[in-house]
Amino acid sequence: MNTLAFTLFLAIVGLTLVITYFASKRTNTTSDFYTADSSLTGFQNGLAIAGDYMSAASFLGIAGMVALSGFDGFFYSIGFLVAYLVVLYLVAEPLRNLGKYTMADMIAARFNDKTVRGVAALNTISISIFYMIAQLVGAGALIKLLLGIDYVYSVLIVGTLMTIYVVFGGMMATSWVQIVKALLLMAGTFIISIIVFGKFDFSVLKMFDAMQTATPLGEKFLNPGNKFTNPLDTISLNLALVLGTAGLPHILIRFFTVKDAITARKSVVYATWIIGAFYVMTIFLGFGAAAFVGYDKIVAANAAGNMAAPLLAEALGGDFLFAFVSAVAFATILAVVAGLVLSAASAFAHDFYSHIVRRGHATEKEQIVAARWASIGVAILSILLALFAQKMNVAFLVSLAFAVAASANLPVILFTIFWKRFNTAGAVTGMIVGLASSLILVAISPNVWSPEQGVAILVGDPLVSLTNPGIISIPLGFIGAYLGTVLSGKKADAKKFDEILVKANTGM
């Protein structure tokens, strides 16, 4: 066991628990629990969004993907960053103006229907669990490498901590854990990037020249096609990444933590700059790992490449930098899973329990109790699923969550704001078709089925060759919403649409 690393782990856990303790003192109402009483500034929320977004997939998965696959790994960085333009221009302000606590609130502002709210809540819970599996897989691999603790126990440790943050501290604790994590992650990534760049005499050309001979891929390392040999698969992945962020529940609920739509827009701008700087630095992480750690050592530590960044830190800075980067990666995972648990618990308590089961008559105390129990339930389910996904790359797992979000949520969000004819049947159909199609396509894809033992979850031939379903499931989500509307025969409330259009754009 690395004593220094273990000490830094304990320090970060201690810091986050102190934050949770103080946050719990300020978490008394449903508004406190769900949105931190909308008290964050634009810069604070921008940092928290960045902290929520720069997950284990970004720090561990992309670095490993670039190191092992070269150019193809950078598709993830590009897609994750460009996605915020969609959020900024189409989603952030209308969502803040129309919603209150969850994404379902926004849709229910136009369609006050239990079925619509229930299906929206189901989508939120499904996407959150999908995303959380990736974080727990990264956490398990990281703690196993660093402390020698079995993968199962590693996942249980993270699952327990994330539940504590949400149950006791709500959104206030989650937000400040994410802010602290974002600052630590940016600092750690910057330090490694500078050291790597220095090894190449601060010359971009020299760095790219060196990478042509640094890996078994040779000159192919800098060219596309090493991992994604099917052009449709590449397009599908990028569609999911660019459009998926605008449908991710744990990102969308962050816009309710600020006082108004203007502040929500500012927070997206801050987040985009922070995230952009980070994803530029993932190039240095991936290149550095390939050059100074080596393909064989990365694969030996974790077949999917998830440990490339910590191993690079060890190669460049010895035990201290290795321990610091591993502890930061651990903080990264804790912050993101707390946000995911909160988004799923909010959907259950606010949408299912309060509005459907109790028909809007649940007291604040009852809602908070329901949310806390839901947090425990979501955590247990995510832990169980993560135990079966140990060998999967975390960046890839997250890309699947993006595909589900882009297919099931985004069409309904956009049609709710911009299509006058859109009705309740269209909203329900669009969400169900988007969710079902993306999950079915994943279930029959090479991610689940492979003729080779140990490559995927099950042994057998996949029915589709696409590893990411986005290119099929995203259009199906839009088509489902359109056909559900035009075939239902029900007319939309034109007056309600006019009201929503004004409120979405002005907040009035």
Protein backbone atom coordinates (compact mmCIF):
# COMPACT_ATOMS: atom_id res chain seq x y z
CA MET A 1 0.00 0.00 0.00
CA ASN A 2 1.25 3.50 -0.90
CA THR A 3 1.25 5.27 2.49
CA LEU A 4 1.51 8.77 0.99
CA ALA A 5 -1.37 8.10 -1.38
CA PHE A 6 -3.47 6.67 1.43
CA THR A 7 -2.79 9.79 3.51
CA LEU A 8 -3.88 12.09 0.66
CA PHE A 9 -6.97 9.94 0.12
CA LEU A 10 -7.90 10.36 3.77
CA ALA A 11 -7.23 14.13 3.58
CA ILE A 12 -9.60 14.52 0.61
CA VAL A 13 -12.27 12.33 2.21
CA GLY A 14 -11.90 14.34 5.43
CA LEU A 15 -12.25 17.65 3.55
CA THR A 16 -15.36 16.51 1.71
CA LEU A 17 -16.94 15.23 4.92
CA VAL A 18 -16.29 18.59 6.62
CA ILE A 19 -17.99 20.32 3.67
CA THR A 20 -20.92 17.91 4.03
CA TYR A 21 -21.17 18.59 7.77
CA PHE A 22 -21.44 22.36 7.31
CA ALA A 23 -23.77 21.96 4.31
CA SER A 24 -26.08 19.75 6.38
CA LYS A 25 -26.58 22.64 8.78
CA ARG A 26 -28.00 24.69 5.89
CA THR A 27 -30.13 21.95 4.34
CA ASN A 28 -33.56 22.30 5.90
CA THR A 29 -36.01 22.78 3.02
CA THR A 30 -36.67 21.08 -0.31
CA SER A 31 -35.16 24.11 -2.08
CA ASP A 32 -31.98 23.71 0.00
CA PHE A 33 -31.78 19.98 -0.74
CA TYR A 34 -32.51 20.13 -4.50
CA THR A 35 -30.93 23.46 -5.55
CA ALA A 36 -28.85 24.85 -2.63
CA ASP A 37 -31.62 27.49 -2.46
CA SER A 38 -30.39 28.92 -5.84
CA SER A 39 -27.60 30.70 -3.93
CA LEU A 40 -24.55 30.04 -6.14
CA THR A 41 -22.93 32.78 -8.23
CA GLY A 42 -22.24 32.35 -11.95
CA PHE A 43 -18.54 31.63 -11.36
CA GLN A 44 -19.23 29.20 -8.51
CA ASN A 45 -21.79 27.34 -10.59
CA GLY A 46 -19.45 27.37 -13.59
CA LEU A 47 -16.78 25.67 -11.47
CA ALA A 48 -19.36 23.22 -10.12
CA ILE A 49 -20.58 22.39 -13.64
CA ALA A 50 -16.97 21.82 -14.71
CA GLY A 51 -16.46 19.68 -11.62
CA ASP A 52 -19.58 17.70 -12.45
CA TYR A 53 -18.59 17.29 -16.09
CA MET A 54 -14.86 16.54 -15.84
CA SER A 55 -15.49 13.03 -14.63
CA ALA A 56 -13.49 9.82 -14.42
CA ALA A 57 -14.24 9.47 -18.13
CA SER A 58 -12.41 12.71 -18.84
CA PHE A 59 -9.44 12.35 -16.53
CA LEU A 60 -8.88 8.60 -16.58
CA GLY A 61 -10.72 7.37 -19.67
CA ILE A 62 -9.65 9.94 -22.26
CA ALA A 63 -6.00 9.91 -21.19
CA GLY A 64 -5.99 6.13 -21.59
CA MET A 65 -7.91 6.27 -24.85
CA VAL A 66 -5.44 8.76 -26.38
CA ALA A 67 -2.45 6.79 -25.09
CA LEU A 68 -3.71 3.50 -26.57
CA SER A 69 -5.61 4.65 -29.67
CA GLY A 70 -4.00 7.99 -30.57
CA PHE A 71 -6.13 10.44 -32.54
CA ASP A 72 -9.38 8.51 -32.01
CA GLY A 73 -9.19 9.10 -28.27
CA PHE A 74 -9.32 12.84 -28.85
CA PHE A 75 -12.80 12.53 -30.40
CA TYR A 76 -14.09 12.36 -26.84
CA SER A 77 -12.41 15.64 -25.85
CA ILE A 78 -13.76 17.43 -28.94
CA GLY A 79 -17.28 16.11 -28.48
CA PHE A 80 -17.47 16.86 -24.77
CA LEU A 81 -16.36 20.47 -25.32
CA VAL A 82 -18.47 21.34 -28.39
CA ALA A 83 -21.51 20.03 -26.51
CA TYR A 84 -21.55 23.14 -24.34
CA LEU A 85 -22.40 25.33 -27.33
CA VAL A 86 -25.67 23.38 -27.63
CA VAL A 87 -26.29 23.85 -23.89
CA LEU A 88 -25.46 27.56 -24.01
CA TYR A 89 -27.55 28.53 -27.03
CA LEU A 90 -30.54 26.20 -26.76
CA VAL A 91 -31.08 24.84 -23.26
CA ALA A 92 -29.61 26.77 -20.31
CA GLU A 93 -31.88 29.83 -20.16
CA PRO A 94 -35.21 28.18 -21.10
CA LEU A 95 -34.56 25.39 -18.60
CA ARG A 96 -33.85 27.87 -15.78
CA ASN A 97 -36.89 29.97 -16.64
CA LEU A 98 -39.33 27.07 -16.92
CA GLY A 99 -38.10 24.60 -14.33
CA LYS A 100 -37.85 24.52 -10.57
CA TYR A 101 -35.98 21.44 -9.32
CA THR A 102 -35.75 18.82 -12.12
CA MET A 103 -35.83 18.46 -15.91
CA ALA A 104 -39.36 17.05 -15.63
CA ASP A 105 -40.48 20.39 -14.14
CA MET A 106 -39.54 22.10 -17.39
CA ILE A 107 -41.60 19.72 -19.55
CA ALA A 108 -44.46 19.76 -17.03
CA ALA A 109 -44.56 23.57 -17.32
CA ARG A 110 -46.17 22.98 -20.71
CA PHE A 111 -47.73 19.55 -20.22
CA ASN A 112 -49.14 19.24 -16.70
CA ASP A 113 -49.60 15.50 -17.07
CA LYS A 114 -48.58 12.70 -14.68
CA THR A 115 -47.48 10.37 -17.47
CA VAL A 116 -45.15 12.98 -18.97
CA ARG A 117 -43.59 13.72 -15.58
CA GLY A 118 -43.27 10.02 -14.75
CA VAL A 119 -41.53 9.09 -18.01
CA ALA A 120 -39.20 12.11 -17.72
CA ALA A 121 -38.27 11.00 -14.20
CA LEU A 122 -37.65 7.44 -15.44
CA ASN A 123 -35.29 8.78 -18.11
CA THR A 124 -33.43 10.83 -15.50
CA ILE A 125 -32.92 7.83 -13.23
CA SER A 126 -31.85 5.56 -16.13
CA ILE A 127 -29.29 8.03 -17.49
CA SER A 128 -27.92 8.82 -14.03
CA ILE A 129 -27.35 5.14 -13.25
CA PHE A 130 -25.72 4.52 -16.65
CA TYR A 131 -23.32 7.42 -16.04
CA MET A 132 -22.67 6.38 -12.45
CA ILE A 133 -21.54 2.90 -13.46
CA ALA A 134 -18.65 4.50 -15.37
CA GLN A 135 -17.55 6.51 -12.35
CA LEU A 136 -17.66 3.51 -10.04
CA VAL A 137 -15.68 1.38 -12.51
CA GLY A 138 -13.00 4.09 -12.59
CA ALA A 139 -12.99 4.33 -8.80
CA GLY A 140 -12.67 0.59 -8.38
CA ALA A 141 -9.71 0.36 -10.78
CA LEU A 142 -8.00 3.37 -9.20
CA ILE A 143 -8.22 2.23 -5.57
CA LYS A 144 -7.26 -1.32 -6.51
CA LEU A 145 -4.11 -0.05 -8.24
CA LEU A 146 -3.16 2.42 -5.53
CA LEU A 147 -4.09 0.74 -2.27
CA GLY A 148 -4.30 -2.89 -3.29
CA ILE A 149 -7.93 -3.09 -2.15
CA ASP A 150 -10.12 -5.54 -4.05
CA TYR A 151 -12.29 -4.00 -6.80
CA VAL A 152 -15.52 -4.96 -5.03
CA TYR A 153 -14.53 -3.26 -1.78
CA SER A 154 -13.25 -0.21 -3.69
CA VAL A 155 -16.62 0.28 -5.36
CA LEU A 156 -18.38 -0.15 -2.01
CA ILE A 157 -16.20 2.55 -0.40
CA VAL A 158 -17.02 5.12 -3.10
CA GLY A 159 -20.68 4.14 -3.09
CA THR A 160 -20.91 4.68 0.65
CA LEU A 161 -19.21 8.08 0.55
CA MET A 162 -21.33 9.42 -2.31
CA THR A 163 -24.48 8.40 -0.44
CA ILE A 164 -23.32 10.24 2.69
CA TYR A 165 -22.75 13.49 0.73
CA VAL A 166 -26.23 13.49 -0.78
CA VAL A 167 -28.22 12.14 2.18
CA PHE A 168 -26.82 14.67 4.64
CA GLY A 169 -25.66 17.65 2.57
CA GLY A 170 -27.92 17.71 -0.51
CA MET A 171 -27.06 20.09 -3.33
CA MET A 172 -25.05 22.46 -1.14
CA ALA A 173 -22.54 19.76 -0.16
CA THR A 174 -22.51 18.30 -3.68
CA SER A 175 -21.81 21.72 -5.26
CA TRP A 176 -18.91 22.61 -2.96
CA VAL A 177 -17.36 19.15 -3.30
CA GLN A 178 -17.52 19.67 -7.08
CA ILE A 179 -15.95 23.15 -6.83
CA VAL A 180 -13.04 21.88 -4.70
CA LYS A 181 -12.59 18.92 -7.02
CA ALA A 182 -12.53 21.14 -10.14
CA LEU A 183 -9.77 23.30 -8.66
CA LEU A 184 -7.69 20.24 -7.63
CA LEU A 185 -8.19 18.54 -11.00
CA MET A 186 -7.18 21.62 -13.00
CA ALA A 187 -4.08 22.07 -10.81
CA GLY A 188 -3.02 18.44 -11.12
CA THR A 189 -3.63 18.29 -14.88
CA PHE A 190 -1.76 21.57 -15.43
CA ILE A 191 1.27 20.35 -13.49
CA ILE A 192 1.50 17.11 -15.46
CA SER A 193 0.93 18.90 -18.79
CA ILE A 194 3.75 21.37 -18.11
CA ILE A 195 6.15 18.55 -17.16
CA VAL A 196 5.23 16.56 -20.29
CA PHE A 197 5.54 19.62 -22.52
CA GLY A 198 8.91 20.38 -20.92
CA LYS A 199 10.14 16.90 -21.84
CA PHE A 200 9.61 17.90 -25.47
CA ASP A 201 11.43 21.24 -24.98
CA PHE A 202 8.06 23.06 -25.07
CA SER A 203 7.79 22.36 -28.79
CA VAL A 204 4.49 21.10 -30.19
CA LEU A 205 6.18 19.96 -33.39
CA LYS A 206 8.81 18.01 -31.47
CA MET A 207 6.10 16.37 -29.37
CA PHE A 208 4.12 15.26 -32.43
CA ASP A 209 7.26 13.99 -34.15
CA ALA A 210 8.19 11.92 -31.13
CA MET A 211 4.73 10.34 -30.97
CA GLN A 212 5.20 8.80 -34.42
CA THR A 213 7.65 6.29 -32.94
CA ALA A 214 6.55 6.15 -29.30
CA THR A 215 3.84 3.47 -29.59
CA PRO A 216 3.22 0.17 -31.43
CA LEU A 217 0.89 2.11 -33.74
CA GLY A 218 3.84 4.05 -35.18
CA GLU A 219 2.82 6.85 -37.56
CA LYS A 220 -0.81 5.68 -37.39
CA PHE A 221 -0.96 7.05 -33.82
CA LEU A 222 -1.59 10.57 -35.16
CA ASN A 223 -4.20 9.46 -37.71
CA PRO A 224 -7.87 8.57 -37.21
CA GLY A 225 -9.07 5.00 -37.64
CA ASN A 226 -7.12 3.15 -34.95
CA LYS A 227 -10.11 2.48 -32.71
CA PHE A 228 -13.08 3.58 -34.80
CA THR A 229 -12.64 1.73 -38.06
CA ASN A 230 -16.29 2.14 -39.01
CA PRO A 231 -17.02 5.74 -40.16
CA LEU A 232 -20.66 5.41 -39.04
CA ASP A 233 -19.46 4.51 -35.56
CA THR A 234 -17.34 7.67 -35.44
CA ILE A 235 -20.27 9.85 -36.52
CA SER A 236 -22.52 8.07 -34.04
CA LEU A 237 -20.12 8.69 -31.17
CA ASN A 238 -19.73 12.37 -31.95
CA LEU A 239 -23.48 12.90 -32.34
CA ALA A 240 -23.99 11.39 -28.90
CA LEU A 241 -21.24 13.48 -27.31
CA VAL A 242 -22.25 16.81 -28.88
CA LEU A 243 -26.00 16.45 -28.29
CA GLY A 244 -25.97 14.35 -25.12
CA THR A 245 -24.83 17.01 -22.65
CA ALA A 246 -28.01 19.02 -23.25
CA GLY A 247 -29.99 16.03 -21.98
CA LEU A 248 -27.85 14.96 -19.02
CA PRO A 249 -29.97 15.34 -15.86
CA HIS A 250 -27.09 15.97 -13.43
CA ILE A 251 -25.86 18.85 -15.64
CA LEU A 252 -29.33 20.30 -16.24
CA ILE A 253 -30.22 20.52 -12.54
CA ARG A 254 -27.15 22.70 -11.99
CA PHE A 255 -28.98 25.59 -13.69
CA PHE A 256 -31.48 25.65 -10.83
CA THR A 257 -28.70 26.43 -8.32
CA VAL A 258 -28.43 30.07 -9.53
CA LYS A 259 -30.93 32.89 -9.05
CA ASP A 260 -31.92 33.58 -12.69
CA ALA A 261 -31.40 32.77 -16.37
CA ILE A 262 -28.72 35.43 -16.90
CA THR A 263 -26.59 33.87 -14.16
CA ALA A 264 -27.26 30.42 -15.65
CA ARG A 265 -25.89 31.64 -19.00
CA LYS A 266 -22.83 33.14 -17.30
CA SER A 267 -22.16 29.88 -15.49
CA VAL A 268 -22.17 28.00 -18.84
CA VAL A 269 -19.62 30.47 -20.26
CA TYR A 270 -17.33 30.02 -17.24
CA ALA A 271 -17.73 26.25 -17.42
CA THR A 272 -16.93 26.18 -21.15
CA TRP A 273 -13.63 28.03 -20.67
CA ILE A 274 -12.60 25.81 -17.76
CA ILE A 275 -13.60 22.61 -19.54
CA GLY A 276 -11.97 23.76 -22.79
CA ALA A 277 -8.63 24.35 -21.05
CA PHE A 278 -8.88 20.95 -19.39
CA TYR A 279 -9.59 19.03 -22.61
CA VAL A 280 -6.66 20.69 -24.37
CA MET A 281 -4.49 19.33 -21.58
CA THR A 282 -5.81 15.78 -22.08
CA ILE A 283 -3.64 15.71 -25.23
CA PHE A 284 -0.56 16.10 -23.03
CA LEU A 285 -1.81 13.43 -20.63
CA GLY A 286 -2.40 10.92 -23.43
CA PHE A 287 0.80 11.69 -25.33
CA GLY A 288 2.83 11.68 -22.13
CA ALA A 289 1.44 8.33 -21.02
CA ALA A 290 2.18 6.78 -24.42
CA ALA A 291 5.73 8.15 -24.47
CA PHE A 292 6.87 7.82 -20.85
CA VAL A 293 4.78 4.95 -19.47
CA GLY A 294 4.42 2.76 -22.53
CA TYR A 295 1.64 0.72 -24.09
CA ASP A 296 2.45 -2.54 -22.30
CA LYS A 297 2.57 -1.05 -18.81
CA ILE A 298 -0.71 0.86 -19.32
CA VAL A 299 -2.51 -2.28 -20.51
CA ALA A 300 -0.98 -4.37 -17.71
CA ALA A 301 -2.39 -2.00 -15.07
CA ASN A 302 -5.83 -1.86 -16.70
CA ALA A 303 -6.76 -3.37 -20.07
CA ALA A 304 -9.03 -0.43 -20.94
CA GLY A 305 -6.27 2.13 -20.22
CA ASN A 306 -8.05 3.78 -17.27
CA MET A 307 -4.86 4.06 -15.19
CA ALA A 308 -2.76 5.90 -17.79
CA ALA A 309 -2.88 9.30 -16.03
CA PRO A 310 -1.83 8.06 -12.54
CA LEU A 311 0.94 5.95 -14.09
CA LEU A 312 2.17 8.99 -16.03
CA ALA A 313 2.25 11.01 -12.83
CA GLU A 314 4.35 8.29 -11.20
CA ALA A 315 6.76 8.17 -14.16
CA LEU A 316 7.24 11.95 -14.14
CA GLY A 317 7.06 12.90 -10.46
CA GLY A 318 7.57 9.76 -8.42
CA ASP A 319 5.44 8.70 -5.48
CA PHE A 320 4.25 12.16 -4.46
CA LEU A 321 2.83 13.19 -7.84
CA PHE A 322 1.40 9.70 -8.29
CA ALA A 323 -0.31 9.93 -4.91
CA PHE A 324 -1.57 13.47 -5.55
CA VAL A 325 -2.99 12.67 -9.00
CA SER A 326 -4.61 9.46 -7.76
CA ALA A 327 -6.18 11.33 -4.85
CA VAL A 328 -7.45 14.02 -7.25
CA ALA A 329 -8.91 11.30 -9.49
CA PHE A 330 -10.62 9.88 -6.42
CA ALA A 331 -12.04 13.33 -5.57
CA THR A 332 -13.17 13.63 -9.20
CA ILE A 333 -15.17 10.43 -8.95
CA LEU A 334 -16.67 11.33 -5.55
CA ALA A 335 -17.88 14.71 -6.82
CA VAL A 336 -19.47 13.36 -9.99
CA VAL A 337 -21.23 10.40 -8.41
CA ALA A 338 -22.68 12.69 -5.72
CA GLY A 339 -24.22 14.84 -8.47
CA LEU A 340 -25.58 11.77 -10.22
CA VAL A 341 -27.13 10.34 -7.07
CA LEU A 342 -28.73 13.72 -6.35
CA SER A 343 -30.25 14.02 -9.84
CA ALA A 344 -31.74 10.51 -9.65
CA ALA A 345 -32.99 10.99 -6.08
CA SER A 346 -34.56 14.35 -6.99
CA ALA A 347 -36.39 12.76 -9.90
CA PHE A 348 -37.78 10.03 -7.66
CA ALA A 349 -38.73 12.18 -4.67
CA HIS A 350 -39.92 15.33 -6.46
CA ASP A 351 -41.45 13.84 -9.61
CA PHE A 352 -42.57 10.30 -8.71
CA TYR A 353 -43.32 10.60 -5.02
CA SER A 354 -44.46 14.19 -4.58
CA HIS A 355 -46.32 14.80 -7.86
CA ILE A 356 -47.55 11.32 -8.84
CA VAL A 357 -47.93 9.29 -5.65
CA ARG A 358 -48.90 12.19 -3.35
CA ARG A 359 -50.44 14.33 -6.14
CA GLY A 360 -48.54 17.44 -5.06
CA HIS A 361 -49.57 17.21 -1.41
CA ALA A 362 -46.32 15.87 0.10
CA THR A 363 -44.84 18.07 2.82
CA GLU A 364 -41.27 19.35 2.58
CA LYS A 365 -40.18 16.93 5.28
CA GLU A 366 -41.74 13.98 3.45
CA GLN A 367 -40.03 14.98 0.18
CA ILE A 368 -36.60 15.22 1.83
CA VAL A 369 -37.04 11.85 3.55
CA ALA A 370 -38.11 10.29 0.22
CA ALA A 371 -35.10 11.85 -1.54
CA ARG A 372 -32.71 10.48 1.07
CA TRP A 373 -34.11 6.96 0.82
CA ALA A 374 -34.02 7.22 -2.98
CA SER A 375 -30.34 8.20 -2.76
CA ILE A 376 -29.59 5.00 -0.88
CA GLY A 377 -31.56 2.90 -3.37
CA VAL A 378 -29.88 4.44 -6.43
CA ALA A 379 -26.45 3.97 -4.87
CA ILE A 380 -27.07 0.27 -4.15
CA LEU A 381 -28.35 -0.41 -7.69
CA SER A 382 -25.40 1.44 -9.29
CA ILE A 383 -22.87 -0.47 -7.17
CA LEU A 384 -24.37 -3.83 -8.17
CA LEU A 385 -24.28 -2.93 -11.88
CA ALA A 386 -20.70 -1.57 -11.65
CA LEU A 387 -19.48 -4.96 -10.41
CA PHE A 388 -20.29 -6.43 -13.85
CA ALA A 389 -18.62 -3.67 -15.89
CA GLN A 390 -15.08 -3.83 -14.49
CA LYS A 391 -13.31 -4.40 -17.84
CA MET A 392 -14.95 -1.54 -19.77
CA ASN A 393 -13.27 1.80 -20.57
CA VAL A 394 -14.92 4.52 -18.52
CA ALA A 395 -14.90 7.08 -21.36
CA PHE A 396 -16.79 4.60 -23.52
CA LEU A 397 -19.32 3.86 -20.76
CA VAL A 398 -20.05 7.57 -20.38
CA SER A 399 -20.52 7.96 -24.13
CA LEU A 400 -23.38 5.46 -23.89
CA ALA A 401 -25.04 7.59 -21.21
CA PHE A 402 -24.68 10.57 -23.56
CA ALA A 403 -26.40 8.60 -26.33
CA VAL A 404 -29.35 7.79 -24.06
CA ALA A 405 -29.59 11.45 -22.95
CA ALA A 406 -29.48 12.75 -26.53
CA SER A 407 -32.09 10.21 -27.68
CA ALA A 408 -34.56 10.30 -24.80
CA ASN A 409 -34.37 13.85 -23.39
CA LEU A 410 -33.09 16.31 -25.98
CA PRO A 411 -35.87 15.88 -28.59
CA VAL A 412 -38.57 16.50 -25.97
CA ILE A 413 -36.74 19.49 -24.45
CA LEU A 414 -36.35 21.19 -27.86
CA PHE A 415 -39.89 20.43 -29.05
CA THR A 416 -41.32 21.66 -25.73
CA ILE A 417 -39.67 25.05 -26.26
CA PHE A 418 -39.86 25.49 -30.04
CA TRP A 419 -42.73 23.43 -31.58
CA LYS A 420 -46.21 24.89 -31.26
CA ARG A 421 -48.03 21.71 -32.31
CA PHE A 422 -46.16 19.45 -29.85
CA ASN A 423 -48.50 17.67 -27.43
CA THR A 424 -48.57 15.25 -24.49
CA ALA A 425 -48.66 12.11 -26.66
CA GLY A 426 -45.61 13.33 -28.58
CA ALA A 427 -43.68 14.02 -25.38
CA VAL A 428 -44.38 10.57 -23.93
CA THR A 429 -43.71 8.76 -27.22
CA GLY A 430 -40.47 10.63 -27.88
CA MET A 431 -39.05 9.88 -24.43
CA ILE A 432 -40.03 6.19 -24.48
CA VAL A 433 -38.79 5.58 -28.05
CA GLY A 434 -35.50 7.39 -27.38
CA LEU A 435 -34.84 5.48 -24.15
CA ALA A 436 -35.92 2.07 -25.42
CA SER A 437 -34.12 2.28 -28.78
CA SER A 438 -30.80 3.35 -27.25
CA LEU A 439 -30.91 0.67 -24.53
CA ILE A 440 -31.93 -2.09 -26.98
CA LEU A 441 -29.19 -1.12 -29.45
CA VAL A 442 -26.60 -1.18 -26.65
CA ALA A 443 -27.88 -4.59 -25.49
CA ILE A 444 -27.32 -6.17 -28.94
CA SER A 445 -24.05 -4.33 -29.70
CA PRO A 446 -20.37 -5.40 -29.45
CA ASN A 447 -20.25 -3.76 -26.01
CA VAL A 448 -22.34 -6.59 -24.58
CA TRP A 449 -21.64 -9.42 -27.04
CA SER A 450 -18.31 -10.67 -28.38
CA PRO A 451 -17.24 -14.02 -29.87
CA GLU A 452 -14.08 -13.86 -27.69
CA GLN A 453 -14.25 -14.79 -24.03
CA GLY A 454 -13.59 -11.86 -21.67
CA VAL A 455 -13.82 -9.08 -24.28
CA ALA A 456 -17.45 -8.14 -23.53
CA ILE A 457 -20.04 -9.01 -20.89
CA LEU A 458 -21.50 -11.97 -22.82
CA VAL A 459 -20.04 -14.42 -25.36
CA GLY A 460 -21.76 -14.43 -28.75
CA ASP A 461 -22.15 -12.49 -32.00
CA PRO A 462 -23.57 -8.94 -31.74
CA LEU A 463 -26.64 -8.19 -33.88
CA VAL A 464 -25.40 -4.67 -34.75
CA SER A 465 -21.83 -3.51 -35.38
CA LEU A 466 -22.21 0.00 -33.89
CA THR A 467 -20.55 0.44 -30.49
CA ASN A 468 -22.49 3.68 -29.91
CA PRO A 469 -26.19 3.76 -30.86
CA GLY A 470 -26.48 7.55 -31.30
CA ILE A 471 -26.73 7.70 -35.09
CA ILE A 472 -29.86 5.50 -34.94
CA SER A 473 -31.40 6.21 -31.55
CA ILE A 474 -31.17 10.04 -31.66
CA PRO A 475 -33.18 10.36 -34.93
CA LEU A 476 -35.61 7.76 -33.56
CA GLY A 477 -36.18 9.95 -30.49
CA PHE A 478 -37.07 12.93 -32.70
CA ILE A 479 -39.19 10.78 -35.03
CA GLY A 480 -41.02 9.23 -32.08
CA ALA A 481 -41.85 12.68 -30.67
CA TYR A 482 -43.02 13.89 -34.11
CA LEU A 483 -45.16 10.86 -34.96
CA GLY A 484 -46.62 10.70 -31.47
CA THR A 485 -47.78 14.29 -31.95
CA VAL A 486 -49.19 14.12 -35.49
CA LEU A 487 -50.84 10.70 -35.09
CA SER A 488 -52.48 11.33 -31.74
CA GLY A 489 -55.16 13.61 -33.15
CA LYS A 490 -55.01 15.84 -30.08
CA LYS A 491 -54.51 19.55 -30.60
CA ALA A 492 -51.87 21.33 -28.57
CA ASP A 493 -52.88 24.26 -26.39
CA ALA A 494 -51.73 27.22 -28.54
CA LYS A 495 -52.22 29.69 -25.69
CA LYS A 496 -50.06 27.56 -23.40
CA PHE A 497 -47.30 27.44 -26.02
CA ASP A 498 -47.30 31.24 -26.34
CA GLU A 499 -47.05 31.50 -22.57
CA ILE A 500 -44.15 29.02 -22.47
CA LEU A 501 -42.34 30.76 -25.34
CA VAL A 502 -42.42 34.11 -23.54
CA LYS A 503 -41.46 32.65 -20.17
CA ALA A 504 -38.63 30.51 -21.64
CA ASN A 505 -36.99 33.51 -23.27
CA THR A 506 -37.70 36.25 -20.74
CA GLY A 507 -38.47 34.56 -17.42
CA MET A 508 -41.67 36.63 -17.19
